[in-house]
Amino acid sequence: MLARILMLAIVVALTGLTQPIVATLSVRDLILLAGGLFLLYKAVHEIHHTVEFKEAEEHPTNGAGAAFAAVISQIVLLDIVFSIDSVITAVGLTQHLWIIVTAVILSFVGILFFAGPIGEFILRHPALKILALSFLITIGVTIFMEGLHKHVPKAYIYLPMGFALMVEILQMRYEHNRQRQKG
């Protein structure tokens, strides 16, 4: 959490760097472009491994230290990417860093409290994992587009996501009722 708050302060400073350095792109734009591409790569990679059942192949037991370091670095990179997007949004909502830090602390506490049950639920429902990764693709494209100075209205993102989630919830309810009726 402390690392995230420190990173938050750094990202707040970086979001102010909006002067073009390469063509019409600023440091902020380059960070958004790289972050969007990273999210796209990571989400597509994870969907592929989930669908093709390649998770067991990718985590060899003999290189546990290297695998652990890779996982930690990927978590840090994802955290940075999401921090950039959320910080830019938060700075647009408030100029008070203490409000943003309070929100980070509260969200961190919520994650600690609910991570286990949510993780277990997603493991029982792999379609939700694929749906969440598909949402990451959408978010990655959105972040990338914002790096190119193309604004994507949030309604165009959240409405289809909400609709897809509701369809999946209905599908899960149908399967639950069907299994209950069988047994």
C-alpha atoms as a PDB file:
ATOM      1  CA  MET A   1       0.000   0.000   0.000  1.00  0.00           C
ATOM      2  CA  LEU A   2       2.860   2.388   0.817  1.00  0.00           C
ATOM      3  CA  ALA A   3       4.481   1.620  -2.535  1.00  0.00           C
ATOM      4  CA  ARG A   4       1.182   2.348  -4.262  1.00  0.00           C
ATOM      5  CA  ILE A   5       0.844   5.708  -2.480  1.00  0.00           C
ATOM      6  CA  LEU A   6       4.442   6.621  -3.394  1.00  0.00           C
ATOM      7  CA  MET A   7       3.772   5.567  -6.976  1.00  0.00           C
ATOM      8  CA  LEU A   8       0.576   7.615  -6.876  1.00  0.00           C
ATOM      9  CA  ALA A   9       2.544  10.737  -5.990  1.00  0.00           C
ATOM     10  CA  ILE A  10       4.997  10.042  -8.826  1.00  0.00           C
ATOM     11  CA  VAL A  11       2.181   9.462 -11.299  1.00  0.00           C
ATOM     12  CA  VAL A  12       0.451  12.675 -10.210  1.00  0.00           C
ATOM     13  CA  ALA A  13       3.689  14.493 -11.038  1.00  0.00           C
ATOM     14  CA  LEU A  14       3.994  12.673 -14.385  1.00  0.00           C
ATOM     15  CA  THR A  15       0.429  13.511 -15.397  1.00  0.00           C
ATOM     16  CA  GLY A  16       1.433  17.135 -15.348  1.00  0.00           C
ATOM     17  CA  LEU A  17       4.026  16.507 -18.065  1.00  0.00           C
ATOM     18  CA  THR A  18       1.816  17.315 -21.031  1.00  0.00           C
ATOM     19  CA  GLN A  19       4.307  19.185 -23.203  1.00  0.00           C
ATOM     20  CA  PRO A  20       5.028  17.269 -26.438  1.00  0.00           C
ATOM     21  CA  ILE A  21       8.412  15.542 -26.548  1.00  0.00           C
ATOM     22  CA  VAL A  22       7.944  13.213 -29.540  1.00  0.00           C
ATOM     23  CA  ALA A  23       5.783  14.582 -32.354  1.00  0.00           C
ATOM     24  CA  THR A  24       2.570  15.555 -30.529  1.00  0.00           C
ATOM     25  CA  LEU A  25       3.063  13.053 -27.696  1.00  0.00           C
ATOM     26  CA  SER A  26       3.961  14.042 -24.129  1.00  0.00           C
ATOM     27  CA  VAL A  27       5.445  11.910 -21.355  1.00  0.00           C
ATOM     28  CA  ARG A  28       1.886  11.312 -20.130  1.00  0.00           C
ATOM     29  CA  ASP A  29       0.799  10.189 -23.606  1.00  0.00           C
ATOM     30  CA  LEU A  30       3.752   7.820 -23.954  1.00  0.00           C
ATOM     31  CA  ILE A  31       2.962   6.291 -20.561  1.00  0.00           C
ATOM     32  CA  LEU A  32      -0.670   5.821 -21.592  1.00  0.00           C
ATOM     33  CA  LEU A  33       0.346   4.246 -24.916  1.00  0.00           C
ATOM     34  CA  ALA A  34       2.777   1.849 -23.252  1.00  0.00           C
ATOM     35  CA  GLY A  35       0.289   1.018 -20.497  1.00  0.00           C
ATOM     36  CA  GLY A  36      -2.509   0.379 -22.974  1.00  0.00           C
ATOM     37  CA  LEU A  37      -0.306  -1.913 -25.058  1.00  0.00           C
ATOM     38  CA  PHE A  38       0.821  -3.756 -21.934  1.00  0.00           C
ATOM     39  CA  LEU A  39      -2.788  -4.331 -20.855  1.00  0.00           C
ATOM     40  CA  LEU A  40      -3.702  -5.562 -24.324  1.00  0.00           C
ATOM     41  CA  TYR A  41      -0.763  -7.954 -24.397  1.00  0.00           C
ATOM     42  CA  LYS A  42      -1.334  -9.235 -20.872  1.00  0.00           C
ATOM     43  CA  ALA A  43      -5.095  -9.739 -21.276  1.00  0.00           C
ATOM     44  CA  VAL A  44      -4.803 -11.520 -24.633  1.00  0.00           C
ATOM     45  CA  HIS A  45      -1.958 -13.663 -23.274  1.00  0.00           C
ATOM     46  CA  GLU A  46      -3.983 -14.655 -20.193  1.00  0.00           C
ATOM     47  CA  ILE A  47      -7.114 -15.397 -22.238  1.00  0.00           C
ATOM     48  CA  HIS A  48      -5.057 -17.626 -24.523  1.00  0.00           C
ATOM     49  CA  HIS A  49      -3.545 -19.514 -21.597  1.00  0.00           C
ATOM     50  CA  THR A  50      -6.910 -19.897 -19.892  1.00  0.00           C
ATOM     51  CA  VAL A  51      -8.682 -21.161 -22.996  1.00  0.00           C
ATOM     52  CA  GLU A  52      -5.822 -23.463 -24.042  1.00  0.00           C
ATOM     53  CA  PHE A  53      -5.216 -24.786 -20.486  1.00  0.00           C
ATOM     54  CA  LYS A  54      -1.574 -23.720 -20.627  1.00  0.00           C
ATOM     55  CA  GLU A  55      -1.353 -22.431 -17.042  1.00  0.00           C
ATOM     56  CA  ALA A  56       0.242 -25.639 -15.741  1.00  0.00           C
ATOM     57  CA  GLU A  57       2.895 -25.566 -18.482  1.00  0.00           C
ATOM     58  CA  GLU A  58       3.843 -21.973 -17.777  1.00  0.00           C
ATOM     59  CA  HIS A  59       4.651 -22.379 -14.088  1.00  0.00           C
ATOM     60  CA  PRO A  60       7.494 -24.894 -13.780  1.00  0.00           C
ATOM     61  CA  THR A  61       8.356 -25.927 -10.228  1.00  0.00           C
ATOM     62  CA  ASN A  62      12.139 -25.881 -10.685  1.00  0.00           C
ATOM     63  CA  GLY A  63      12.322 -22.099 -11.204  1.00  0.00           C
ATOM     64  CA  ALA A  64      10.029 -21.033  -8.380  1.00  0.00           C
ATOM     65  CA  GLY A  65      12.118 -17.964  -7.527  1.00  0.00           C
ATOM     66  CA  ALA A  66      12.164 -16.748 -11.120  1.00  0.00           C
ATOM     67  CA  ALA A  67       8.440 -17.433 -11.525  1.00  0.00           C
ATOM     68  CA  PHE A  68       7.719 -15.541  -8.302  1.00  0.00           C
ATOM     69  CA  ALA A  69       9.794 -12.561  -9.500  1.00  0.00           C
ATOM     70  CA  ALA A  70       7.959 -12.603 -12.853  1.00  0.00           C
ATOM     71  CA  VAL A  71       4.568 -12.626 -11.127  1.00  0.00           C
ATOM     72  CA  ILE A  72       5.558  -9.791  -8.808  1.00  0.00           C
ATOM     73  CA  SER A  73       6.891  -7.688 -11.704  1.00  0.00           C
ATOM     74  CA  GLN A  74       3.694  -8.250 -13.708  1.00  0.00           C
ATOM     75  CA  ILE A  75       1.569  -7.248 -10.709  1.00  0.00           C
ATOM     76  CA  VAL A  76       3.644  -4.091 -10.281  1.00  0.00           C
ATOM     77  CA  LEU A  77       3.316  -3.247 -14.003  1.00  0.00           C
ATOM     78  CA  LEU A  78      -0.449  -3.799 -13.947  1.00  0.00           C
ATOM     79  CA  ASP A  79      -0.688  -1.705 -10.796  1.00  0.00           C
ATOM     80  CA  ILE A  80       1.238   1.113 -12.491  1.00  0.00           C
ATOM     81  CA  VAL A  81      -0.959   0.975 -15.593  1.00  0.00           C
ATOM     82  CA  PHE A  82      -4.183   1.071 -13.583  1.00  0.00           C
ATOM     83  CA  SER A  83      -2.768   3.747 -11.298  1.00  0.00           C
ATOM     84  CA  ILE A  84      -2.015   5.991 -14.256  1.00  0.00           C
ATOM     85  CA  ASP A  85      -5.557   5.708 -15.568  1.00  0.00           C
ATOM     86  CA  SER A  86      -7.172   6.128 -12.160  1.00  0.00           C
ATOM     87  CA  VAL A  87      -4.862   8.980 -11.151  1.00  0.00           C
ATOM     88  CA  ILE A  88      -5.640  10.878 -14.328  1.00  0.00           C
ATOM     89  CA  THR A  89      -9.338  10.405 -13.599  1.00  0.00           C
ATOM     90  CA  ALA A  90      -8.894  11.309  -9.924  1.00  0.00           C
ATOM     91  CA  VAL A  91      -6.863  14.424 -10.704  1.00  0.00           C
ATOM     92  CA  GLY A  92      -9.675  15.438 -13.059  1.00  0.00           C
ATOM     93  CA  LEU A  93     -12.095  15.090 -10.147  1.00  0.00           C
ATOM     94  CA  THR A  94     -10.020  16.698  -7.390  1.00  0.00           C
ATOM     95  CA  GLN A  95      -6.724  18.521  -6.967  1.00  0.00           C
ATOM     96  CA  HIS A  96      -6.386  17.343  -3.342  1.00  0.00           C
ATOM     97  CA  LEU A  97      -3.859  14.510  -3.094  1.00  0.00           C
ATOM     98  CA  TRP A  98      -5.124  13.549   0.383  1.00  0.00           C
ATOM     99  CA  ILE A  99      -8.526  12.623  -1.075  1.00  0.00           C
ATOM    100  CA  ILE A 100      -6.888  10.377  -3.670  1.00  0.00           C
ATOM    101  CA  VAL A 101      -4.645   8.782  -1.001  1.00  0.00           C
ATOM    102  CA  THR A 102      -7.683   8.155   1.225  1.00  0.00           C
ATOM    103  CA  ALA A 103      -9.460   6.452  -1.690  1.00  0.00           C
ATOM    104  CA  VAL A 104      -6.363   4.295  -2.338  1.00  0.00           C
ATOM    105  CA  ILE A 105      -6.196   3.247   1.315  1.00  0.00           C
ATOM    106  CA  LEU A 106      -9.909   2.383   1.430  1.00  0.00           C
ATOM    107  CA  SER A 107      -9.699   0.401  -1.806  1.00  0.00           C
ATOM    108  CA  PHE A 108      -6.624  -1.438  -0.517  1.00  0.00           C
ATOM    109  CA  VAL A 109      -8.484  -2.441   2.656  1.00  0.00           C
ATOM    110  CA  GLY A 110     -11.418  -3.605   0.524  1.00  0.00           C
ATOM    111  CA  ILE A 111      -9.107  -5.664  -1.678  1.00  0.00           C
ATOM    112  CA  LEU A 112      -7.514  -7.306   1.352  1.00  0.00           C
ATOM    113  CA  PHE A 113     -10.914  -8.164   2.762  1.00  0.00           C
ATOM    114  CA  PHE A 114     -12.548  -9.485  -0.434  1.00  0.00           C
ATOM    115  CA  ALA A 115      -9.629 -10.846  -2.519  1.00  0.00           C
ATOM    116  CA  GLY A 116      -9.919 -14.431  -1.250  1.00  0.00           C
ATOM    117  CA  PRO A 117     -13.669 -14.918  -1.710  1.00  0.00           C
ATOM    118  CA  ILE A 118     -13.680 -13.167  -5.093  1.00  0.00           C
ATOM    119  CA  GLY A 119     -10.671 -15.186  -6.268  1.00  0.00           C
ATOM    120  CA  GLU A 120     -12.336 -18.456  -5.268  1.00  0.00           C
ATOM    121  CA  PHE A 121     -15.585 -17.419  -6.959  1.00  0.00           C
ATOM    122  CA  ILE A 122     -13.753 -16.618 -10.197  1.00  0.00           C
ATOM    123  CA  LEU A 123     -11.899 -19.948 -10.070  1.00  0.00           C
ATOM    124  CA  ARG A 124     -15.278 -21.705  -9.852  1.00  0.00           C
ATOM    125  CA  HIS A 125     -16.591 -19.656 -12.802  1.00  0.00           C
ATOM    126  CA  PRO A 126     -13.861 -19.450 -15.477  1.00  0.00           C
ATOM    127  CA  ALA A 127     -16.183 -17.612 -17.871  1.00  0.00           C
ATOM    128  CA  LEU A 128     -16.039 -14.655 -15.471  1.00  0.00           C
ATOM    129  CA  LYS A 129     -12.231 -14.703 -15.663  1.00  0.00           C
ATOM    130  CA  ILE A 130     -12.390 -14.564 -19.460  1.00  0.00           C
ATOM    131  CA  LEU A 131     -15.011 -11.806 -19.275  1.00  0.00           C
ATOM    132  CA  ALA A 132     -12.832  -9.790 -16.870  1.00  0.00           C
ATOM    133  CA  LEU A 133      -9.829 -10.247 -19.159  1.00  0.00           C
ATOM    134  CA  SER A 134     -11.989  -9.105 -22.079  1.00  0.00           C
ATOM    135  CA  PHE A 135     -12.812  -5.989 -20.069  1.00  0.00           C
ATOM    136  CA  LEU A 136      -9.072  -5.449 -19.673  1.00  0.00           C
ATOM    137  CA  ILE A 137      -8.746  -5.505 -23.450  1.00  0.00           C
ATOM    138  CA  THR A 138     -11.387  -2.802 -23.679  1.00  0.00           C
ATOM    139  CA  ILE A 139      -9.671  -0.744 -21.000  1.00  0.00           C
ATOM    140  CA  GLY A 140      -6.297  -1.241 -22.699  1.00  0.00           C
ATOM    141  CA  VAL A 141      -7.696   0.042 -25.989  1.00  0.00           C
ATOM    142  CA  THR A 142      -9.257   3.003 -24.194  1.00  0.00           C
ATOM    143  CA  ILE A 143      -6.002   3.917 -22.432  1.00  0.00           C
ATOM    144  CA  PHE A 144      -4.099   3.564 -25.713  1.00  0.00           C
ATOM    145  CA  MET A 145      -6.610   5.783 -27.525  1.00  0.00           C
ATOM    146  CA  GLU A 146      -6.346   8.431 -24.806  1.00  0.00           C
ATOM    147  CA  GLY A 147      -2.577   8.366 -25.303  1.00  0.00           C
ATOM    148  CA  LEU A 148      -3.288   9.270 -28.943  1.00  0.00           C
ATOM    149  CA  HIS A 149      -5.535  12.160 -27.790  1.00  0.00           C
ATOM    150  CA  LYS A 150      -8.696  10.311 -28.853  1.00  0.00           C
ATOM    151  CA  HIS A 151     -11.320  10.544 -26.151  1.00  0.00           C
ATOM    152  CA  VAL A 152     -13.556   7.505 -25.787  1.00  0.00           C
ATOM    153  CA  PRO A 153     -16.796   8.269 -23.919  1.00  0.00           C
ATOM    154  CA  LYS A 154     -16.976   6.134 -20.779  1.00  0.00           C
ATOM    155  CA  ALA A 155     -20.577   5.169 -21.580  1.00  0.00           C
ATOM    156  CA  TYR A 156     -19.294   3.371 -24.691  1.00  0.00           C
ATOM    157  CA  ILE A 157     -17.122   1.273 -22.410  1.00  0.00           C
ATOM    158  CA  TYR A 158     -19.191   0.679 -19.300  1.00  0.00           C
ATOM    159  CA  LEU A 159     -22.570   0.032 -20.935  1.00  0.00           C
ATOM    160  CA  PRO A 160     -21.390  -2.985 -22.989  1.00  0.00           C
ATOM    161  CA  MET A 161     -19.367  -4.232 -20.007  1.00  0.00           C
ATOM    162  CA  GLY A 162     -22.397  -4.041 -17.755  1.00  0.00           C
ATOM    163  CA  PHE A 163     -24.555  -5.738 -20.363  1.00  0.00           C
ATOM    164  CA  ALA A 164     -22.034  -8.575 -20.829  1.00  0.00           C
ATOM    165  CA  LEU A 165     -21.770  -9.017 -17.069  1.00  0.00           C
ATOM    166  CA  MET A 166     -25.567  -9.189 -16.702  1.00  0.00           C
ATOM    167  CA  VAL A 167     -25.762 -11.803 -19.475  1.00  0.00           C
ATOM    168  CA  GLU A 168     -23.089 -13.864 -17.707  1.00  0.00           C
ATOM    169  CA  ILE A 169     -24.911 -13.570 -14.375  1.00  0.00           C
ATOM    170  CA  LEU A 170     -28.132 -14.765 -16.037  1.00  0.00           C
ATOM    171  CA  GLN A 171     -26.205 -17.664 -17.604  1.00  0.00           C
ATOM    172  CA  MET A 172     -24.774 -18.609 -14.202  1.00  0.00           C
ATOM    173  CA  ARG A 173     -28.236 -18.446 -12.641  1.00  0.00           C
ATOM    174  CA  TYR A 174     -29.616 -20.655 -15.422  1.00  0.00           C
ATOM    175  CA  GLU A 175     -26.839 -23.235 -14.881  1.00  0.00           C
ATOM    176  CA  HIS A 176     -27.371 -23.148 -11.116  1.00  0.00           C
ATOM    177  CA  ASN A 177     -31.128 -23.751 -11.490  1.00  0.00           C
ATOM    178  CA  ARG A 178     -30.549 -26.470 -14.077  1.00  0.00           C
ATOM    179  CA  GLN A 179     -28.083 -28.296 -11.795  1.00  0.00           C
ATOM    180  CA  ARG A 180     -30.440 -27.943  -8.830  1.00  0.00           C
ATOM    181  CA  GLN A 181     -33.339 -29.322 -10.878  1.00  0.00           C
ATOM    182  CA  LYS A 182     -31.220 -32.290 -12.046  1.00  0.00           C
ATOM    183  CA  GLY A 183     -29.956 -33.186  -8.578  1.00  0.00           C
END
